[in-house]
């Protein structure tokens, strides 16, 4: 299991809400899908609380639901080979 550092130096007013600076990859799976027996396509990690959930290409779209419920705006991909961070509020990619 590798660990990737996330640099949140992008011009986004919401990066200060990101408390998680290191994300473990690969993740076990979408925490919400694992509870209900659901399937996921790609995984995202919330950088405020560390919650791992599925992308919008997945049937349940748990990462977006997590944002809508918690208002935690910053997620990063936990897929091997992907290195990006996204702000739901600004709807923009941040530099990593």
PDB file of N, CA and C in Angstrom:
ATOM      1  N   UNK A   1       0.850  -1.172   0.000  1.00  0.00           N
ATOM      2  CA  UNK A   1       0.000   0.000   0.000  1.00  0.00           C
ATOM      3  C   UNK A   1       0.892   1.229   0.000  1.00  0.00           C
ATOM      4  N   UNK A   2       0.643   2.116  -0.955  1.00  0.00           N
ATOM      5  CA  UNK A   2       1.451   3.325  -1.033  1.00  0.00           C
ATOM      6  C   UNK A   2       0.706   4.505  -0.427  1.00  0.00           C
ATOM      7  N   UNK A   3       1.449   5.518  -0.093  1.00  0.00           N
ATOM      8  CA  UNK A   3       0.867   6.739   0.464  1.00  0.00           C
ATOM      9  C   UNK A   3       1.257   7.887  -0.446  1.00  0.00           C
ATOM     10  N   UNK A   4       0.289   8.714  -0.784  1.00  0.00           N
ATOM     11  CA  UNK A   4       0.540   9.853  -1.657  1.00  0.00           C
ATOM     12  C   UNK A   4       0.321  11.142  -0.881  1.00  0.00           C
ATOM     13  N   UNK A   5       1.197  12.097  -1.067  1.00  0.00           N
ATOM     14  CA  UNK A   5       1.032  13.406  -0.430  1.00  0.00           C
ATOM     15  C   UNK A   5       0.143  14.281  -1.295  1.00  0.00           C
ATOM     16  N   UNK A   6      -0.707  15.049  -0.676  1.00  0.00           N
ATOM     17  CA  UNK A   6      -1.598  15.955  -1.383  1.00  0.00           C
ATOM     18  C   UNK A   6      -1.204  17.383  -1.045  1.00  0.00           C
ATOM     19  N   UNK A   7      -0.841  18.152  -2.065  1.00  0.00           N
ATOM     20  CA  UNK A   7      -0.463  19.551  -1.892  1.00  0.00           C
ATOM     21  C   UNK A   7      -1.676  20.408  -2.227  1.00  0.00           C
ATOM     22  N   UNK A   8      -2.223  21.069  -1.244  1.00  0.00           N
ATOM     23  CA  UNK A   8      -3.419  21.860  -1.458  1.00  0.00           C
ATOM     24  C   UNK A   8      -3.091  23.342  -1.590  1.00  0.00           C
ATOM     25  N   UNK A   9      -2.190  23.660  -2.491  1.00  0.00           N
ATOM     26  CA  UNK A   9      -1.764  25.044  -2.659  1.00  0.00           C
ATOM     27  C   UNK A   9      -2.535  25.773  -3.756  1.00  0.00           C
ATOM     28  N   UNK A  10      -3.555  25.153  -4.317  1.00  0.00           N
ATOM     29  CA  UNK A  10      -4.330  25.770  -5.396  1.00  0.00           C
ATOM     30  C   UNK A  10      -5.145  26.946  -4.874  1.00  0.00           C
ATOM     31  N   UNK A  11      -5.462  27.890  -5.750  1.00  0.00           N
ATOM     32  CA  UNK A  11      -6.270  29.038  -5.340  1.00  0.00           C
ATOM     33  C   UNK A  11      -7.739  28.654  -5.159  1.00  0.00           C
ATOM     34  N   UNK A  12      -8.061  28.126  -4.010  1.00  0.00           N
ATOM     35  CA  UNK A  12      -9.426  27.716  -3.686  1.00  0.00           C
ATOM     36  C   UNK A  12      -9.677  28.119  -2.239  1.00  0.00           C
ATOM     37  N   UNK A  13     -10.793  28.772  -2.001  1.00  0.00           N
ATOM     38  CA  UNK A  13     -11.097  29.244  -0.647  1.00  0.00           C
ATOM     39  C   UNK A  13     -11.455  28.122   0.318  1.00  0.00           C
ATOM     40  N   UNK A  14     -11.610  26.908  -0.191  1.00  0.00           N
ATOM     41  CA  UNK A  14     -12.093  25.812   0.642  1.00  0.00           C
ATOM     42  C   UNK A  14     -11.003  24.842   1.083  1.00  0.00           C
ATOM     43  N   UNK A  15      -9.787  25.012   0.585  1.00  0.00           N
ATOM     44  CA  UNK A  15      -8.728  24.061   0.928  1.00  0.00           C
ATOM     45  C   UNK A  15      -8.401  24.057   2.411  1.00  0.00           C
ATOM     46  N   UNK A  16      -8.670  25.166   3.108  1.00  0.00           N
ATOM     47  CA  UNK A  16      -8.381  25.177   4.550  1.00  0.00           C
ATOM     48  C   UNK A  16      -9.269  24.198   5.308  1.00  0.00           C
ATOM     49  N   UNK A  17     -10.364  23.751   4.696  1.00  0.00           N
ATOM     50  CA  UNK A  17     -11.227  22.761   5.333  1.00  0.00           C
ATOM     51  C   UNK A  17     -10.641  21.355   5.240  1.00  0.00           C
ATOM     52  N   UNK A  18      -9.650  21.183   4.380  1.00  0.00           N
ATOM     53  CA  UNK A  18      -9.019  19.876   4.220  1.00  0.00           C
ATOM     54  C   UNK A  18      -8.075  19.625   5.388  1.00  0.00           C
ATOM     55  N   UNK A  19      -8.371  18.624   6.162  1.00  0.00           N
ATOM     56  CA  UNK A  19      -7.562  18.263   7.323  1.00  0.00           C
ATOM     57  C   UNK A  19      -6.626  17.096   7.020  1.00  0.00           C
ATOM     58  N   UNK A  20      -6.982  16.285   6.042  1.00  0.00           N
ATOM     59  CA  UNK A  20      -6.220  15.092   5.685  1.00  0.00           C
ATOM     60  C   UNK A  20      -5.185  15.495   4.639  1.00  0.00           C
ATOM     61  N   UNK A  21      -3.921  15.280   4.925  1.00  0.00           N
ATOM     62  CA  UNK A  21      -2.863  15.659   3.987  1.00  0.00           C
ATOM     63  C   UNK A  21      -2.224  14.444   3.321  1.00  0.00           C
ATOM     64  N   UNK A  22      -2.478  13.264   3.851  1.00  0.00           N
ATOM     65  CA  UNK A  22      -1.919  12.042   3.275  1.00  0.00           C
ATOM     66  C   UNK A  22      -3.050  11.039   3.108  1.00  0.00           C
ATOM     67  N   UNK A  23      -3.118  10.441   1.936  1.00  0.00           N
ATOM     68  CA  UNK A  23      -4.176   9.485   1.627  1.00  0.00           C
ATOM     69  C   UNK A  23      -3.539   8.148   1.305  1.00  0.00           C
ATOM     70  N   UNK A  24      -4.024   7.102   1.943  1.00  0.00           N
ATOM     71  CA  UNK A  24      -3.498   5.763   1.680  1.00  0.00           C
ATOM     72  C   UNK A  24      -4.150   5.208   0.420  1.00  0.00           C
ATOM     73  N   UNK A  25      -3.328   4.628  -0.436  1.00  0.00           N
ATOM     74  CA  UNK A  25      -3.803   4.001  -1.664  1.00  0.00           C
ATOM     75  C   UNK A  25      -3.233   2.608  -1.749  1.00  0.00           C
ATOM     76  N   UNK A  26      -3.911   1.622  -2.243  1.00  0.00           N
ATOM     77  CA  UNK A  26      -5.311   1.668  -2.650  1.00  0.00           C
ATOM     78  C   UNK A  26      -6.244   1.535  -1.450  1.00  0.00           C
ATOM     79  N   UNK A  27      -7.444   2.028  -1.603  1.00  0.00           N
ATOM     80  CA  UNK A  27      -8.457   1.932  -0.544  1.00  0.00           C
ATOM     81  C   UNK A  27      -9.150   0.574  -0.637  1.00  0.00           C
ATOM     82  N   UNK A  28      -9.751   0.145   0.459  1.00  0.00           N
ATOM     83  CA  UNK A  28     -10.455  -1.140   0.518  1.00  0.00           C
ATOM     84  C   UNK A  28     -11.698  -1.128  -0.358  1.00  0.00           C
ATOM     85  N   UNK A  29     -12.376   0.009  -0.412  1.00  0.00           N
ATOM     86  CA  UNK A  29     -13.595   0.133  -1.208  1.00  0.00           C
ATOM     87  C   UNK A  29     -14.422   1.292  -0.705  1.00  0.00           C
ATOM     88  N   UNK A  30     -15.534   1.533  -1.372  1.00  0.00           N
ATOM     89  CA  UNK A  30     -16.461   2.577  -0.939  1.00  0.00           C
ATOM     90  C   UNK A  30     -17.084   2.145   0.381  1.00  0.00           C
ATOM     91  N   UNK A  31     -16.892   2.951   1.410  1.00  0.00           N
ATOM     92  CA  UNK A  31     -17.393   2.595   2.742  1.00  0.00           C
ATOM     93  C   UNK A  31     -18.904   2.414   2.747  1.00  0.00           C
ATOM     94  N   UNK A  32     -19.614   3.238   1.979  1.00  0.00           N
ATOM     95  CA  UNK A  32     -21.074   3.154   1.942  1.00  0.00           C
ATOM     96  C   UNK A  32     -21.543   1.950   1.130  1.00  0.00           C
ATOM     97  N   UNK A  33     -20.905   1.685  -0.010  1.00  0.00           N
ATOM     98  CA  UNK A  33     -21.265   0.521  -0.822  1.00  0.00           C
ATOM     99  C   UNK A  33     -20.987  -0.780  -0.073  1.00  0.00           C
ATOM    100  N   UNK A  34     -19.893  -0.821   0.671  1.00  0.00           N
ATOM    101  CA  UNK A  34     -19.585  -2.025   1.439  1.00  0.00           C
ATOM    102  C   UNK A  34     -20.688  -2.327   2.451  1.00  0.00           C
ATOM    103  N   UNK A  35     -21.306  -1.296   3.010  1.00  0.00           N
ATOM    104  CA  UNK A  35     -22.387  -1.487   3.991  1.00  0.00           C
ATOM    105  C   UNK A  35     -23.656  -2.036   3.359  1.00  0.00           C
ATOM    106  N   UNK A  36     -23.930  -1.651   2.099  1.00  0.00           N
ATOM    107  CA  UNK A  36     -25.193  -2.045   1.467  1.00  0.00           C
ATOM    108  C   UNK A  36     -25.026  -3.100   0.378  1.00  0.00           C
ATOM    109  N   UNK A  37     -23.803  -3.543   0.154  1.00  0.00           N
ATOM    110  CA  UNK A  37     -23.551  -4.525  -0.897  1.00  0.00           C
ATOM    111  C   UNK A  37     -23.560  -3.915  -2.286  1.00  0.00           C
ATOM    112  N   UNK A  38     -23.287  -2.613  -2.371  1.00  0.00           N
ATOM    113  CA  UNK A  38     -23.280  -1.917  -3.655  1.00  0.00           C
ATOM    114  C   UNK A  38     -21.964  -2.082  -4.390  1.00  0.00           C
ATOM    115  N   UNK A  39     -21.949  -1.620  -5.627  1.00  0.00           N
ATOM    116  CA  UNK A  39     -20.750  -1.683  -6.461  1.00  0.00           C
ATOM    117  C   UNK A  39     -20.287  -0.272  -6.789  1.00  0.00           C
ATOM    118  N   UNK A  40     -18.992  -0.128  -7.024  1.00  0.00           N
ATOM    119  CA  UNK A  40     -18.425   1.177  -7.343  1.00  0.00           C
ATOM    120  C   UNK A  40     -17.517   1.066  -8.547  1.00  0.00           C
ATOM    121  N   UNK A  41     -17.271   2.217  -9.186  1.00  0.00           N
ATOM    122  CA  UNK A  41     -16.387   2.289 -10.342  1.00  0.00           C
ATOM    123  C   UNK A  41     -15.022   2.820  -9.907  1.00  0.00           C
ATOM    124  N   UNK A  42     -14.998   4.016  -9.313  1.00  0.00           N
ATOM    125  CA  UNK A  42     -13.765   4.642  -8.824  1.00  0.00           C
ATOM    126  C   UNK A  42     -14.001   5.177  -7.421  1.00  0.00           C
ATOM    127  N   UNK A  43     -12.912   5.352  -6.682  1.00  0.00           N
ATOM    128  CA  UNK A  43     -13.012   5.784  -5.287  1.00  0.00           C
ATOM    129  C   UNK A  43     -12.442   7.179  -5.080  1.00  0.00           C
ATOM    130  N   UNK A  44     -13.079   7.912  -4.168  1.00  0.00           N
ATOM    131  CA  UNK A  44     -12.666   9.256  -3.788  1.00  0.00           C
ATOM    132  C   UNK A  44     -12.533   9.318  -2.274  1.00  0.00           C
ATOM    133  N   UNK A  45     -11.591  10.105  -1.771  1.00  0.00           N
ATOM    134  CA  UNK A  45     -11.424  10.281  -0.326  1.00  0.00           C
ATOM    135  C   UNK A  45     -11.707  11.729   0.037  1.00  0.00           C
ATOM    136  N   UNK A  46     -12.520  11.929   1.048  1.00  0.00           N
ATOM    137  CA  UNK A  46     -12.810  13.257   1.578  1.00  0.00           C
ATOM    138  C   UNK A  46     -11.580  13.731   2.344  1.00  0.00           C
ATOM    139  N   UNK A  47     -11.095  14.913   2.023  1.00  0.00           N
ATOM    140  CA  UNK A  47      -9.905  15.419   2.700  1.00  0.00           C
ATOM    141  C   UNK A  47     -10.230  16.195   3.970  1.00  0.00           C
ATOM    142  N   UNK A  48     -11.497  16.243   4.343  1.00  0.00           N
ATOM    143  CA  UNK A  48     -11.871  16.818   5.630  1.00  0.00           C
ATOM    144  C   UNK A  48     -11.905  15.738   6.695  1.00  0.00           C
ATOM    145  N   UNK A  49     -12.513  14.585   6.375  1.00  0.00           N
ATOM    146  CA  UNK A  49     -12.688  13.539   7.389  1.00  0.00           C
ATOM    147  C   UNK A  49     -12.092  12.189   7.009  1.00  0.00           C
ATOM    148  N   UNK A  50     -11.658  12.013   5.755  1.00  0.00           N
ATOM    149  CA  UNK A  50     -11.051  10.762   5.333  1.00  0.00           C
ATOM    150  C   UNK A  50     -12.025   9.721   4.809  1.00  0.00           C
ATOM    151  N   UNK A  51     -13.311  10.028   4.767  1.00  0.00           N
ATOM    152  CA  UNK A  51     -14.325   9.084   4.290  1.00  0.00           C
ATOM    153  C   UNK A  51     -14.041   8.702   2.839  1.00  0.00           C
ATOM    154  N   UNK A  52     -14.039   7.395   2.537  1.00  0.00           N
ATOM    155  CA  UNK A  52     -13.808   6.910   1.179  1.00  0.00           C
ATOM    156  C   UNK A  52     -15.146   6.503   0.585  1.00  0.00           C
ATOM    157  N   UNK A  53     -15.445   7.059  -0.586  1.00  0.00           N
ATOM    158  CA  UNK A  53     -16.725   6.780  -1.223  1.00  0.00           C
ATOM    159  C   UNK A  53     -16.563   6.731  -2.740  1.00  0.00           C
ATOM    160  N   UNK A  54     -17.647   6.364  -3.418  1.00  0.00           N
ATOM    161  CA  UNK A  54     -17.582   6.120  -4.858  1.00  0.00           C
ATOM    162  C   UNK A  54     -17.889   7.367  -5.683  1.00  0.00           C
ATOM    163  N   UNK A  55     -17.419   7.340  -6.920  1.00  0.00           N
ATOM    164  CA  UNK A  55     -17.514   8.471  -7.844  1.00  0.00           C
ATOM    165  C   UNK A  55     -18.907   8.603  -8.461  1.00  0.00           C
ATOM    166  N   UNK A  56     -19.078   9.637  -9.270  1.00  0.00           N
ATOM    167  CA  UNK A  56     -20.360   9.875  -9.930  1.00  0.00           C
ATOM    168  C   UNK A  56     -20.642   8.893 -11.066  1.00  0.00           C
ATOM    169  N   UNK A  57     -19.645   8.135 -11.509  1.00  0.00           N
ATOM    170  CA  UNK A  57     -19.884   7.082 -12.499  1.00  0.00           C
ATOM    171  C   UNK A  57     -20.431   5.825 -11.842  1.00  0.00           C
ATOM    172  N   UNK A  58     -20.351   5.753 -10.538  1.00  0.00           N
ATOM    173  CA  UNK A  58     -20.879   4.617  -9.776  1.00  0.00           C
ATOM    174  C   UNK A  58     -22.383   4.797  -9.576  1.00  0.00           C
ATOM    175  N   UNK A  59     -23.129   3.693  -9.469  1.00  0.00           N
ATOM    176  CA  UNK A  59     -24.589   3.796  -9.339  1.00  0.00           C
ATOM    177  C   UNK A  59     -25.065   4.654  -8.168  1.00  0.00           C
ATOM    178  N   UNK A  60     -24.376   4.611  -7.030  1.00  0.00           N
ATOM    179  CA  UNK A  60     -24.862   5.303  -5.836  1.00  0.00           C
ATOM    180  C   UNK A  60     -24.272   6.689  -5.609  1.00  0.00           C
ATOM    181  N   UNK A  61     -23.225   7.045  -6.323  1.00  0.00           N
ATOM    182  CA  UNK A  61     -22.614   8.385  -6.257  1.00  0.00           C
ATOM    183  C   UNK A  61     -22.393   8.853  -4.813  1.00  0.00           C
ATOM    184  N   UNK A  62     -21.792   7.989  -3.996  1.00  0.00           N
ATOM    185  CA  UNK A  62     -21.649   8.285  -2.572  1.00  0.00           C
ATOM    186  C   UNK A  62     -20.739   9.475  -2.264  1.00  0.00           C
ATOM    187  N   UNK A  63     -19.727   9.747  -3.094  1.00  0.00           N
ATOM    188  CA  UNK A  63     -18.848  10.898  -2.815  1.00  0.00           C
ATOM    189  C   UNK A  63     -19.637  12.204  -2.891  1.00  0.00           C
ATOM    190  N   UNK A  64     -20.468  12.335  -3.911  1.00  0.00           N
ATOM    191  CA  UNK A  64     -21.298  13.536  -4.035  1.00  0.00           C
ATOM    192  C   UNK A  64     -22.316  13.605  -2.905  1.00  0.00           C
ATOM    193  N   UNK A  65     -22.908  12.479  -2.545  1.00  0.00           N
ATOM    194  CA  UNK A  65     -23.869  12.452  -1.434  1.00  0.00           C
ATOM    195  C   UNK A  65     -23.185  12.840  -0.122  1.00  0.00           C
ATOM    196  N   UNK A  66     -21.941  12.389   0.057  1.00  0.00           N
ATOM    197  CA  UNK A  66     -21.189  12.752   1.261  1.00  0.00           C
ATOM    198  C   UNK A  66     -20.999  14.271   1.312  1.00  0.00           C
ATOM    199  N   UNK A  67     -20.630  14.871   0.183  1.00  0.00           N
ATOM    200  CA  UNK A  67     -20.487  16.328   0.130  1.00  0.00           C
ATOM    201  C   UNK A  67     -21.817  17.020   0.435  1.00  0.00           C
ATOM    202  N   UNK A  68     -22.896  16.561  -0.173  1.00  0.00           N
ATOM    203  CA  UNK A  68     -24.202  17.197   0.025  1.00  0.00           C
ATOM    204  C   UNK A  68     -24.666  17.102   1.477  1.00  0.00           C
ATOM    205  N   UNK A  69     -24.332  16.017   2.135  1.00  0.00           N
ATOM    206  CA  UNK A  69     -24.738  15.810   3.527  1.00  0.00           C
ATOM    207  C   UNK A  69     -23.850  16.570   4.508  1.00  0.00           C
ATOM    208  N   UNK A  70     -22.531  16.510   4.292  1.00  0.00           N
ATOM    209  CA  UNK A  70     -21.577  17.052   5.264  1.00  0.00           C
ATOM    210  C   UNK A  70     -21.063  18.444   4.911  1.00  0.00           C
ATOM    211  N   UNK A  71     -21.155  18.802   3.639  1.00  0.00           N
ATOM    212  CA  UNK A  71     -20.576  20.039   3.108  1.00  0.00           C
ATOM    213  C   UNK A  71     -19.042  20.024   3.171  1.00  0.00           C
ATOM    214  N   UNK A  72     -18.441  18.836   3.223  1.00  0.00           N
ATOM    215  CA  UNK A  72     -16.987  18.700   3.121  1.00  0.00           C
ATOM    216  C   UNK A  72     -16.646  18.830   1.634  1.00  0.00           C
ATOM    217  N   UNK A  73     -15.988  19.904   1.208  1.00  0.00           N
ATOM    218  CA  UNK A  73     -15.894  20.211  -0.219  1.00  0.00           C
ATOM    219  C   UNK A  73     -14.754  19.573  -1.007  1.00  0.00           C
ATOM    220  N   UNK A  74     -13.703  19.106  -0.350  1.00  0.00           N
ATOM    221  CA  UNK A  74     -12.502  18.686  -1.071  1.00  0.00           C
ATOM    222  C   UNK A  74     -12.355  17.167  -1.048  1.00  0.00           C
ATOM    223  N   UNK A  75     -12.215  16.568  -2.250  1.00  0.00           N
ATOM    224  CA  UNK A  75     -11.962  15.132  -2.370  1.00  0.00           C
ATOM    225  C   UNK A  75     -10.748  14.921  -3.256  1.00  0.00           C
ATOM    226  N   UNK A  76     -10.155  13.749  -3.119  1.00  0.00           N
ATOM    227  CA  UNK A  76      -9.060  13.363  -3.993  1.00  0.00           C
ATOM    228  C   UNK A  76      -9.313  11.945  -4.478  1.00  0.00           C
ATOM    229  N   UNK A  77      -8.789  11.626  -5.633  1.00  0.00           N
ATOM    230  CA  UNK A  77      -8.912  10.265  -6.139  1.00  0.00           C
ATOM    231  C   UNK A  77      -7.999   9.357  -5.328  1.00  0.00           C
ATOM    232  N   UNK A  78      -8.475   8.165  -5.040  1.00  0.00           N
ATOM    233  CA  UNK A  78      -7.616   7.176  -4.382  1.00  0.00           C
ATOM    234  C   UNK A  78      -7.326   6.017  -5.330  1.00  0.00           C
ATOM    235  N   UNK A  79      -7.527   6.256  -6.609  1.00  0.00           N
ATOM    236  CA  UNK A  79      -7.221   5.252  -7.617  1.00  0.00           C
ATOM    237  C   UNK A  79      -5.726   5.264  -7.913  1.00  0.00           C
ATOM    238  N   UNK A  80      -5.161   4.085  -8.076  1.00  0.00           N
ATOM    239  CA  UNK A  80      -3.754   3.964  -8.434  1.00  0.00           C
ATOM    240  C   UNK A  80      -3.554   4.620  -9.801  1.00  0.00           C
ATOM    241  N   UNK A  81      -2.553   5.469  -9.910  1.00  0.00           N
ATOM    242  CA  UNK A  81      -2.248   6.144 -11.163  1.00  0.00           C
ATOM    243  C   UNK A  81      -2.977   7.463 -11.363  1.00  0.00           C
ATOM    244  N   UNK A  82      -3.908   7.801 -10.480  1.00  0.00           N
ATOM    245  CA  UNK A  82      -4.599   9.088 -10.568  1.00  0.00           C
ATOM    246  C   UNK A  82      -4.079   9.996  -9.462  1.00  0.00           C
ATOM    247  N   UNK A  83      -3.842  11.247  -9.805  1.00  0.00           N
ATOM    248  CA  UNK A  83      -3.287  12.187  -8.836  1.00  0.00           C
ATOM    249  C   UNK A  83      -3.963  13.545  -9.011  1.00  0.00           C
ATOM    250  N   UNK A  84      -5.181  13.671  -8.500  1.00  0.00           N
ATOM    251  CA  UNK A  84      -5.911  14.924  -8.612  1.00  0.00           C
ATOM    252  C   UNK A  84      -6.787  15.137  -7.393  1.00  0.00           C
ATOM    253  N   UNK A  85      -7.167  16.402  -7.208  1.00  0.00           N
ATOM    254  CA  UNK A  85      -8.012  16.827  -6.094  1.00  0.00           C
ATOM    255  C   UNK A  85      -9.105  17.718  -6.676  1.00  0.00           C
ATOM    256  N   UNK A  86     -10.303  17.655  -6.103  1.00  0.00           N
ATOM    257  CA  UNK A  86     -11.464  18.363  -6.642  1.00  0.00           C
ATOM    258  C   UNK A  86     -12.178  19.122  -5.535  1.00  0.00           C
ATOM    259  N   UNK A  87     -12.634  20.329  -5.851  1.00  0.00           N
ATOM    260  CA  UNK A  87     -13.469  21.104  -4.942  1.00  0.00           C
ATOM    261  C   UNK A  87     -14.896  21.085  -5.476  1.00  0.00           C
ATOM    262  N   UNK A  88     -15.819  20.523  -4.707  1.00  0.00           N
ATOM    263  CA  UNK A  88     -17.224  20.470  -5.122  1.00  0.00           C
ATOM    264  C   UNK A  88     -17.849  21.861  -5.198  1.00  0.00           C
ATOM    265  N   UNK A  89     -17.491  22.745  -4.295  1.00  0.00           N
ATOM    266  CA  UNK A  89     -18.106  24.074  -4.278  1.00  0.00           C
ATOM    267  C   UNK A  89     -17.662  24.902  -5.481  1.00  0.00           C
ATOM    268  N   UNK A  90     -16.357  24.947  -5.729  1.00  0.00           N
ATOM    269  CA  UNK A  90     -15.833  25.716  -6.863  1.00  0.00           C
ATOM    270  C   UNK A  90     -15.938  24.956  -8.184  1.00  0.00           C
ATOM    271  N   UNK A  91     -16.217  23.655  -8.098  1.00  0.00           N
ATOM    272  CA  UNK A  91     -16.287  22.784  -9.275  1.00  0.00           C
ATOM    273  C   UNK A  91     -15.031  22.931 -10.121  1.00  0.00           C
ATOM    274  N   UNK A  92     -13.878  22.740  -9.450  1.00  0.00           N
ATOM    275  CA  UNK A  92     -12.603  22.840 -10.151  1.00  0.00           C
ATOM    276  C   UNK A  92     -11.595  21.859  -9.573  1.00  0.00           C
ATOM    277  N   UNK A  93     -10.671  21.448 -10.450  1.00  0.00           N
ATOM    278  CA  UNK A  93      -9.553  20.629 -10.016  1.00  0.00           C
ATOM    279  C   UNK A  93      -8.538  21.532  -9.346  1.00  0.00           C
ATOM    280  N   UNK A  94      -7.873  21.005  -8.331  1.00  0.00           N
ATOM    281  CA  UNK A  94      -6.836  21.738  -7.612  1.00  0.00           C
ATOM    282  C   UNK A  94      -5.495  21.114  -7.944  1.00  0.00           C
ATOM    283  N   UNK A  95      -4.428  21.878  -7.852  1.00  0.00           N
ATOM    284  CA  UNK A  95      -3.105  21.333  -8.139  1.00  0.00           C
ATOM    285  C   UNK A  95      -2.719  20.338  -7.058  1.00  0.00           C
ATOM    286  N   UNK A  96      -2.062  19.278  -7.490  1.00  0.00           N
ATOM    287  CA  UNK A  96      -1.585  18.257  -6.538  1.00  0.00           C
ATOM    288  C   UNK A  96      -0.106  18.094  -6.673  1.00  0.00           C
TER     289      UNK A  96
END
